[in-house]
């Protein structure tokens, strides 16, 4: 799915405990969500299970390039990518992740759960993650850094997050 730069909300239902129940499944063959057209916080992904995404490149679950959506109460599970198994944010990306779970995502090179990287030539406007009340469990980076999160030349704000069993 690619919102194509449009402001939109994709919101699924929750169960009685507030857990997301709408499943977006990449079936181990494709990225689940891609934002690369200047999406802002007016683009919202909420109450979604993003699973089984696959990319040889960036972001098995979500790939962001020059995009800054709000990602609320989403579960990223069992996604696989070269870089950023669950979510990847590059370029001028400033996403906000709140109350999300990153479970059993895998990257080959950087960021099993989440990866953010800015090339030094892009200057100080590089990716900046705001991550609030998120859980990172059993994410893996096979041949590089950041089992839970990998950040290079980027700013990260973490508040109330839990990291458990991540490996790199």
Protein backbone atom coordinates (compact mmCIF):
# COMPACT_ATOMS: atom_id res chain seq x y z
CA UNK A 1 0.00 0.00 0.00
CA UNK A 2 1.27 3.46 -0.90
CA UNK A 3 -0.77 6.56 0.04
CA UNK A 4 0.96 8.46 -2.76
CA UNK A 5 1.50 11.60 -0.68
CA UNK A 6 -2.16 11.94 0.26
CA UNK A 7 -3.27 12.75 3.79
CA UNK A 8 -5.32 9.76 4.89
CA UNK A 9 -5.98 7.53 7.84
CA UNK A 10 -5.88 3.75 7.65
CA UNK A 11 -7.39 2.59 10.93
CA UNK A 12 -8.33 -0.92 11.95
CA UNK A 13 -10.50 -2.14 14.80
CA UNK A 14 -9.22 -3.35 18.17
CA UNK A 15 -10.24 -6.17 20.48
CA UNK A 16 -11.63 -5.59 23.97
CA UNK A 17 -8.08 -5.06 25.32
CA UNK A 18 -7.19 -2.43 22.70
CA UNK A 19 -4.99 -4.74 20.61
CA UNK A 20 -5.10 -4.20 16.84
CA UNK A 21 -6.99 -6.86 14.86
CA UNK A 22 -6.79 -5.64 11.22
CA UNK A 23 -4.02 -7.60 9.49
CA UNK A 24 -1.97 -6.30 6.56
CA UNK A 25 0.03 -9.33 5.39
CA UNK A 26 2.90 -9.15 2.89
CA UNK A 27 2.79 -12.97 2.58
CA UNK A 28 6.60 -13.11 2.76
CA UNK A 29 6.83 -11.64 -0.74
CA UNK A 30 6.33 -7.85 -0.66
CA UNK A 31 6.60 -4.70 1.46
CA UNK A 32 3.39 -3.96 3.29
CA UNK A 33 3.41 -0.11 3.35
CA UNK A 34 5.52 2.43 1.46
CA UNK A 35 5.54 6.20 2.03
CA UNK A 36 7.86 8.13 -0.28
CA UNK A 37 5.91 11.15 -1.44
CA UNK A 38 6.23 13.65 1.39
CA UNK A 39 3.52 12.20 3.62
CA UNK A 40 3.15 14.19 6.85
CA UNK A 41 1.56 13.53 10.23
CA UNK A 42 -1.77 13.95 8.41
CA UNK A 43 -1.15 10.39 7.14
CA UNK A 44 -2.00 8.02 9.99
CA UNK A 45 -1.65 4.26 10.34
CA UNK A 46 -3.53 3.05 13.41
CA UNK A 47 -4.53 -0.27 14.99
CA UNK A 48 -2.87 -2.43 12.33
CA UNK A 49 -0.99 -5.71 12.46
CA UNK A 50 1.73 -5.39 9.81
CA UNK A 51 3.16 -8.83 9.23
CA UNK A 52 5.17 -11.04 6.90
CA UNK A 53 6.45 -8.11 4.85
CA UNK A 54 9.52 -8.70 2.72
CA UNK A 55 12.04 -6.51 0.93
CA UNK A 56 15.54 -7.29 -0.28
CA UNK A 57 16.15 -3.56 0.23
CA UNK A 58 14.50 -1.33 2.84
CA UNK A 59 11.59 -1.82 5.21
CA UNK A 60 9.76 -5.13 5.14
CA UNK A 61 6.81 -3.77 7.17
CA UNK A 62 6.99 -0.05 6.32
CA UNK A 63 9.50 1.80 4.20
CA UNK A 64 9.64 5.60 4.64
CA UNK A 65 11.65 7.97 2.48
CA UNK A 66 11.05 11.71 2.93
CA UNK A 67 7.84 10.80 4.77
CA UNK A 68 6.65 11.45 8.32
CA UNK A 69 3.41 9.60 9.12
CA UNK A 70 1.94 8.91 12.54
CA UNK A 71 2.06 5.20 13.40
CA UNK A 72 -0.21 4.45 16.37
CA UNK A 73 -0.96 1.18 18.17
CA UNK A 74 0.46 -1.00 15.40
CA UNK A 75 2.11 -4.41 15.73
CA UNK A 76 5.00 -5.21 13.40
CA UNK A 77 5.66 -8.94 13.40
CA UNK A 78 7.70 -11.40 11.38
CA UNK A 79 8.83 -8.90 8.73
CA UNK A 80 12.13 -9.38 6.86
CA UNK A 81 14.27 -6.88 4.94
CA UNK A 82 17.84 -6.17 3.98
CA UNK A 83 17.64 -3.01 6.12
CA UNK A 84 14.92 -2.22 8.67
CA UNK A 85 12.97 -5.45 9.09
CA UNK A 86 9.91 -3.90 10.72
CA UNK A 87 10.30 -0.25 9.68
CA UNK A 88 12.90 1.81 7.85
CA UNK A 89 13.03 5.63 7.78
CA UNK A 90 15.49 7.50 5.57
CA UNK A 91 15.84 10.87 3.89
CA UNK A 92 13.92 13.71 5.52
CA UNK A 93 11.67 11.37 7.51
CA UNK A 94 10.31 12.34 10.93
CA UNK A 95 7.82 9.61 11.87
CA UNK A 96 6.16 9.33 15.26
CA UNK A 97 5.67 5.80 16.59
CA UNK A 98 3.39 5.47 19.61
CA UNK A 99 2.24 2.35 21.46
CA UNK A 100 3.64 0.01 18.80
CA UNK A 101 5.07 -3.48 19.14
CA UNK A 102 7.98 -4.81 17.10
CA UNK A 103 8.07 -8.60 17.41
CA UNK A 104 10.39 -11.08 15.68
CA UNK A 105 11.38 -8.82 12.78
CA UNK A 106 14.66 -9.52 10.98
CA UNK A 107 17.14 -7.46 8.95
CA UNK A 108 20.19 -8.75 7.15
CA UNK A 109 22.33 -5.60 7.62
CA UNK A 110 20.84 -2.94 9.95
CA UNK A 111 17.90 -2.63 12.32
CA UNK A 112 15.91 -5.79 12.94
CA UNK A 113 12.99 -3.84 14.41
CA UNK A 114 13.62 -0.29 13.13
CA UNK A 115 16.35 1.36 11.08
CA UNK A 116 16.96 5.04 10.45
CA UNK A 117 19.93 6.33 8.53
CA UNK A 118 20.89 9.62 6.97
CA UNK A 119 23.69 10.07 4.51
CA UNK A 120 26.01 12.81 5.74
CA UNK A 121 25.53 14.67 2.46
CA UNK A 122 21.86 15.16 3.33
CA UNK A 123 22.83 17.53 6.13
CA UNK A 124 21.13 18.19 9.46
CA UNK A 125 17.58 17.53 8.28
CA UNK A 126 18.12 13.79 8.62
CA UNK A 127 15.64 11.25 9.89
CA UNK A 128 14.45 11.72 13.41
CA UNK A 129 12.39 9.08 15.19
CA UNK A 130 10.04 9.82 18.04
CA UNK A 131 9.29 6.48 19.72
CA UNK A 132 6.89 6.50 22.68
CA UNK A 133 5.65 3.54 24.73
CA UNK A 134 6.81 0.98 22.16
CA UNK A 135 7.96 -2.59 22.77
CA UNK A 136 10.83 -4.31 20.92
CA UNK A 137 11.02 -8.07 21.50
CA UNK A 138 13.09 -10.76 19.76
CA UNK A 139 14.09 -8.68 16.73
CA UNK A 140 17.30 -9.71 14.97
CA UNK A 141 19.94 -8.19 12.76
CA UNK A 142 21.90 -11.01 11.12
CA UNK A 143 25.03 -9.23 9.89
CA UNK A 144 25.26 -5.74 11.32
CA UNK A 145 23.96 -3.55 14.09
CA UNK A 146 20.75 -2.86 15.94
CA UNK A 147 18.61 -5.82 16.86
CA UNK A 148 15.84 -3.54 18.18
CA UNK A 149 16.79 -0.15 16.65
CA UNK A 150 19.66 1.00 14.47
CA UNK A 151 20.24 4.75 14.05
CA UNK A 152 23.08 6.44 12.20
CA UNK A 153 23.45 10.18 11.63
CA UNK A 154 19.90 10.49 12.95
CA UNK A 155 18.20 11.82 16.05
CA UNK A 156 16.08 9.50 18.16
CA UNK A 157 13.72 10.31 21.03
CA UNK A 158 12.72 7.31 23.16
CA UNK A 159 10.24 7.49 26.01
CA UNK A 160 8.73 4.59 27.95
CA UNK A 161 10.02 1.91 25.57
CA UNK A 162 10.86 -1.71 26.43
CA UNK A 163 13.64 -3.74 24.77
CA UNK A 164 13.92 -7.47 25.41
CA UNK A 165 15.67 -10.34 23.63
CA UNK A 166 16.87 -8.36 20.59
CA UNK A 167 20.13 -9.53 18.98
CA UNK A 168 22.63 -8.26 16.44
